[in-house]
Amino acid sequence: MPRTVWIARHGNRIDFVNPAWFDTAQRPYDPHLSEDGQIQAQQLANRLVGEGITQIIASPFLRTVQTAHAVAEKLDLPLKLDWGLGEWLNPEWMGFPETLSPEFLAKKFPKIDLSHPLGVPNYPETWRDCLQRTAETSQRLVNSFPADNLLLVGHGASVLGTAMGLIPTLQEIDIKASLCCLVKIVENGDKWKLELNGDTSHLTELETVIRFN
C-alpha cells in the first residue's frame, strides 16, 4: 500500500476573532483556538477517521497542539511535537516564541508523547529559512517513520513548506493553506503525488466567514 502524508493547518485562533486579546495575553505569540476553531478541530478529527493515519506530529504552539490533540483523541493515537513544523519565526511578527513547556502541555493534553525529540526553534528566520526548515522536516519525518501514514499539523507557512519538501516541483502559489484545511500527498513509486490541496469540505464555516470579527 502506498504511504500517505496528510498536512493540516490549525483551526481559527483567538486573536483572529478578538484582536484585542493580544494586548493583555501572557504569551501573545502563542494564541489558543477560538471557540469556532475548536469546532473546526473536531470536524477535522471526524474527517480523518478511517484514513489509516498511524502517526500524528504537530508544531508545539498551543493552537496546533489543540487541533492535533482533537484528532489524536478521535483516532486514539499518540501526539508527537516537533519544532520543525513550527510557525515562521519572523522577527517582524513576533519576539522569541514563548510556548508552554512540553511537560505542561502533556499534563493538559494526555495524548502527547514526550519521547519524540522536540528540537529547538531557530529564531529569527527569513521566509526562505522557514520554507527550507519545514521542507527538511517533512523529508525527515517520512524517513523516520517509513511504514507509517502521517498527519502533520502546523501553520500556513509549514503547510506550504512541508508539501514542497515532498513535491519539489510545487510552488508556494500552488498550495492552498487556509485555516484547518487538509493537504493529502500520496507516495507514487519513488515520488509523491498531490491528491488534495487545501481541502475544507469537512468544515461548516470557512476562513472567509469566521476569521475576523
Protein backbone atom coordinates (compact mmCIF):
# COMPACT_ATOMS: atom_id res chain seq x y z
CA MET A 1 0.00 0.00 0.00
CA PRO A 2 1.37 3.46 -0.86
CA ARG A 3 2.00 5.70 2.10
CA THR A 4 0.03 8.88 2.66
CA VAL A 5 1.04 12.14 4.31
CA TRP A 6 -1.78 14.41 5.43
CA ILE A 7 -0.92 18.03 6.23
CA ALA A 8 -3.32 20.24 8.19
CA ARG A 9 -3.29 23.82 9.38
CA HIS A 10 -4.59 24.68 12.85
CA GLY A 11 -8.13 25.94 13.39
CA ASN A 12 -9.16 29.54 13.92
CA ARG A 13 -7.25 31.36 16.67
CA ILE A 14 -8.46 33.69 19.39
CA ASP A 15 -6.54 36.74 18.15
CA PHE A 16 -8.11 36.40 14.70
CA VAL A 17 -11.53 36.63 16.35
CA ASN A 18 -10.61 39.12 19.07
CA PRO A 19 -7.50 41.15 18.09
CA ALA A 20 -7.56 42.93 21.48
CA TRP A 21 -6.66 39.59 23.13
CA PHE A 22 -3.05 40.21 22.07
CA ASP A 23 -2.73 43.33 24.24
CA THR A 24 -3.18 41.55 27.57
CA ALA A 25 -2.08 38.00 26.77
CA GLN A 26 0.67 36.39 28.85
CA ARG A 27 2.04 34.71 25.71
CA PRO A 28 0.79 36.94 22.87
CA TYR A 29 2.57 34.93 20.16
CA ASP A 30 1.03 31.65 21.27
CA PRO A 31 -2.75 32.13 20.96
CA HIS A 32 -5.18 29.33 21.68
CA LEU A 33 -8.00 28.24 19.41
CA SER A 34 -11.14 30.35 19.37
CA GLU A 35 -14.46 28.66 20.08
CA ASP A 36 -15.14 28.15 16.40
CA GLY A 37 -11.56 26.96 15.95
CA GLN A 38 -12.24 24.18 18.44
CA ILE A 39 -15.26 23.17 16.36
CA GLN A 40 -13.07 23.15 13.27
CA ALA A 41 -10.55 20.90 15.02
CA GLN A 42 -13.28 18.42 15.89
CA GLN A 43 -14.58 18.46 12.34
CA LEU A 44 -11.05 17.78 11.13
CA ALA A 45 -10.82 14.85 13.53
CA ASN A 46 -14.11 13.43 12.28
CA ARG A 47 -12.93 13.78 8.68
CA LEU A 48 -9.79 11.74 9.29
CA VAL A 49 -11.50 8.71 10.83
CA GLY A 50 -10.77 5.64 8.71
CA GLU A 51 -7.95 7.21 6.71
CA GLY A 52 -5.29 4.88 8.10
CA ILE A 53 -3.22 7.52 9.88
CA THR A 54 -0.70 5.93 12.25
CA GLN A 55 1.45 8.89 13.36
CA ILE A 56 0.45 12.43 14.33
CA ILE A 57 3.12 15.11 14.63
CA ALA A 58 2.41 18.77 15.39
CA SER A 59 4.05 22.12 15.95
CA PRO A 60 4.39 22.89 19.69
CA PHE A 61 2.37 26.12 19.53
CA LEU A 62 -0.83 25.86 21.55
CA ARG A 63 -3.23 26.28 18.61
CA THR A 64 -1.59 23.44 16.69
CA VAL A 65 -1.43 21.21 19.76
CA GLN A 66 -5.15 21.76 20.39
CA THR A 67 -6.00 20.98 16.76
CA ALA A 68 -3.82 17.88 16.60
CA HIS A 69 -4.93 16.60 20.00
CA ALA A 70 -8.56 16.59 18.88
CA VAL A 71 -7.51 14.23 16.09
CA ALA A 72 -5.29 12.16 18.39
CA GLU A 73 -8.20 11.62 20.77
CA LYS A 74 -10.57 10.70 17.97
CA LEU A 75 -8.11 8.25 16.38
CA ASP A 76 -6.70 7.06 19.73
CA LEU A 77 -3.12 7.80 18.69
CA PRO A 78 -0.20 9.46 20.49
CA LEU A 79 0.71 13.01 19.54
CA LYS A 80 4.34 13.96 18.92
CA LEU A 81 5.58 17.56 18.98
CA ASP A 82 8.27 18.87 16.64
CA TRP A 83 9.70 22.38 16.29
CA GLY A 84 10.36 21.61 12.63
CA LEU A 85 6.63 22.16 12.00
CA GLY A 86 6.53 25.42 13.93
CA GLU A 87 5.36 28.85 12.82
CA TRP A 88 7.52 31.15 10.68
CA LEU A 89 9.75 32.82 13.27
CA ASN A 90 9.62 36.21 11.63
CA PRO A 91 11.10 38.94 13.87
CA GLU A 92 8.76 41.50 12.29
CA TRP A 93 5.80 39.47 13.59
CA MET A 94 6.99 38.12 16.91
CA GLY A 95 9.63 38.06 19.58
CA PHE A 96 11.29 34.80 20.54
CA PRO A 97 8.37 32.33 20.72
CA GLU A 98 7.30 31.74 24.30
CA THR A 99 5.38 28.48 24.21
CA LEU A 100 4.23 26.26 27.04
CA SER A 101 6.72 23.57 28.06
CA PRO A 102 6.18 20.09 26.62
CA GLU A 103 5.75 18.75 30.15
CA PHE A 104 3.00 21.26 30.92
CA LEU A 105 1.30 20.55 27.60
CA ALA A 106 1.43 16.80 28.26
CA LYS A 107 -0.45 17.28 31.54
CA LYS A 108 -3.19 19.18 29.74
CA PHE A 109 -3.19 17.05 26.58
CA PRO A 110 -2.59 13.45 27.68
CA LYS A 111 -2.11 12.05 24.17
CA ILE A 112 1.24 13.87 23.90
CA ASP A 113 4.21 11.52 23.60
CA LEU A 114 7.25 13.18 25.16
CA SER A 115 9.67 10.58 23.79
CA HIS A 116 9.80 12.24 20.35
CA PRO A 117 12.72 14.72 20.07
CA LEU A 118 11.17 18.19 20.04
CA GLY A 119 14.14 20.07 18.59
CA VAL A 120 14.68 23.79 19.17
CA PRO A 121 13.40 26.95 17.46
CA ASN A 122 15.94 28.81 15.33
CA TYR A 123 14.92 32.42 15.88
CA PRO A 124 14.90 34.63 13.89
CA GLU A 125 14.43 33.22 10.41
CA THR A 126 13.69 34.52 6.94
CA TRP A 127 10.80 33.28 4.83
CA ARG A 128 13.22 31.13 2.82
CA ASP A 129 14.67 29.75 6.07
CA CYS A 130 11.16 28.75 7.15
CA LEU A 131 10.35 27.02 3.86
CA GLN A 132 13.66 25.15 3.97
CA ARG A 133 13.17 24.12 7.62
CA THR A 134 9.68 22.79 7.05
CA ALA A 135 10.66 21.07 3.80
CA GLU A 136 13.52 19.31 5.56
CA THR A 137 11.15 18.38 8.38
CA SER A 138 8.67 16.58 6.13
CA GLN A 139 11.54 14.71 4.48
CA ARG A 140 12.96 13.78 7.88
CA LEU A 141 9.64 12.57 9.23
CA VAL A 142 8.76 10.35 6.27
CA ASN A 143 12.22 8.81 6.59
CA SER A 144 11.87 8.41 10.36
CA PHE A 145 8.52 6.61 10.03
CA PRO A 146 8.96 4.61 6.79
CA ALA A 147 6.00 2.30 7.38
CA ASP A 148 3.52 4.92 8.62
CA ASN A 149 0.84 7.22 7.26
CA LEU A 150 1.48 10.63 8.79
CA LEU A 151 -0.61 13.60 9.84
CA LEU A 152 1.45 16.79 10.15
CA VAL A 153 -0.31 19.68 11.89
CA GLY A 154 1.22 23.09 11.51
CA HIS A 155 0.68 26.65 10.34
CA GLY A 156 0.11 28.32 7.00
CA ALA A 157 3.85 28.53 6.38
CA SER A 158 4.52 24.95 7.40
CA VAL A 159 1.70 23.62 5.20
CA LEU A 160 3.49 25.20 2.23
CA GLY A 161 6.97 24.09 3.23
CA THR A 162 6.16 20.51 4.16
CA ALA A 163 4.25 19.97 0.91
CA MET A 164 7.09 21.49 -1.12
CA GLY A 165 9.55 19.28 0.73
CA LEU A 166 7.81 16.17 -0.56
CA ILE A 167 6.97 17.52 -4.02
CA PRO A 168 9.81 19.86 -5.05
CA THR A 169 8.03 20.89 -8.25
CA LEU A 170 5.34 22.67 -6.23
CA GLN A 171 5.49 26.45 -5.89
CA GLU A 172 4.13 28.48 -2.99
CA ILE A 173 1.24 29.74 -5.10
CA ASP A 174 0.24 26.17 -5.97
CA ILE A 175 -0.71 25.24 -2.39
CA LYS A 176 -3.84 26.32 -0.53
CA ALA A 177 -3.35 26.72 3.21
CA SER A 178 -6.48 28.19 4.79
CA LEU A 179 -7.49 27.53 8.39
CA CYS A 180 -7.97 23.85 9.27
CA CYS A 181 -7.51 22.78 5.67
CA LEU A 182 -6.17 19.41 4.53
CA VAL A 183 -3.47 18.60 2.03
CA LYS A 184 -3.12 14.94 1.04
CA ILE A 185 0.09 13.66 -0.54
CA VAL A 186 0.37 10.01 -1.60
CA GLU A 187 3.51 8.03 -2.35
CA ASN A 188 3.78 7.25 -6.06
CA GLY A 189 6.78 4.99 -6.64
CA ASP A 190 9.84 6.98 -5.65
CA LYS A 191 7.92 10.28 -5.77
CA TRP A 192 4.91 11.86 -4.06
CA LYS A 193 1.66 12.96 -5.68
CA LEU A 194 -0.71 15.73 -4.53
CA GLU A 195 -4.25 14.34 -4.18
CA LEU A 196 -5.96 17.01 -2.06
CA ASN A 197 -4.96 20.66 -1.97
CA GLY A 198 -6.27 22.78 0.88
CA ASP A 199 -9.49 20.80 1.18
CA THR A 200 -12.05 22.37 3.54
CA SER A 201 -15.10 20.26 2.66
CA HIS A 202 -15.13 18.92 6.25
CA LEU A 203 -15.75 22.39 7.70
CA THR A 204 -19.13 24.03 8.21
CA GLU A 205 -17.62 27.52 8.37
CA LEU A 206 -14.70 28.64 6.22
CA GLU A 207 -11.93 31.13 6.91
CA THR A 208 -13.58 33.80 4.81
CA VAL A 209 -16.56 33.72 7.18
CA ILE A 210 -15.04 33.28 10.63
CA ARG A 211 -11.52 34.66 10.65
CA PHE A 212 -12.22 38.17 11.93
CA ASN A 213 -15.00 39.92 13.83
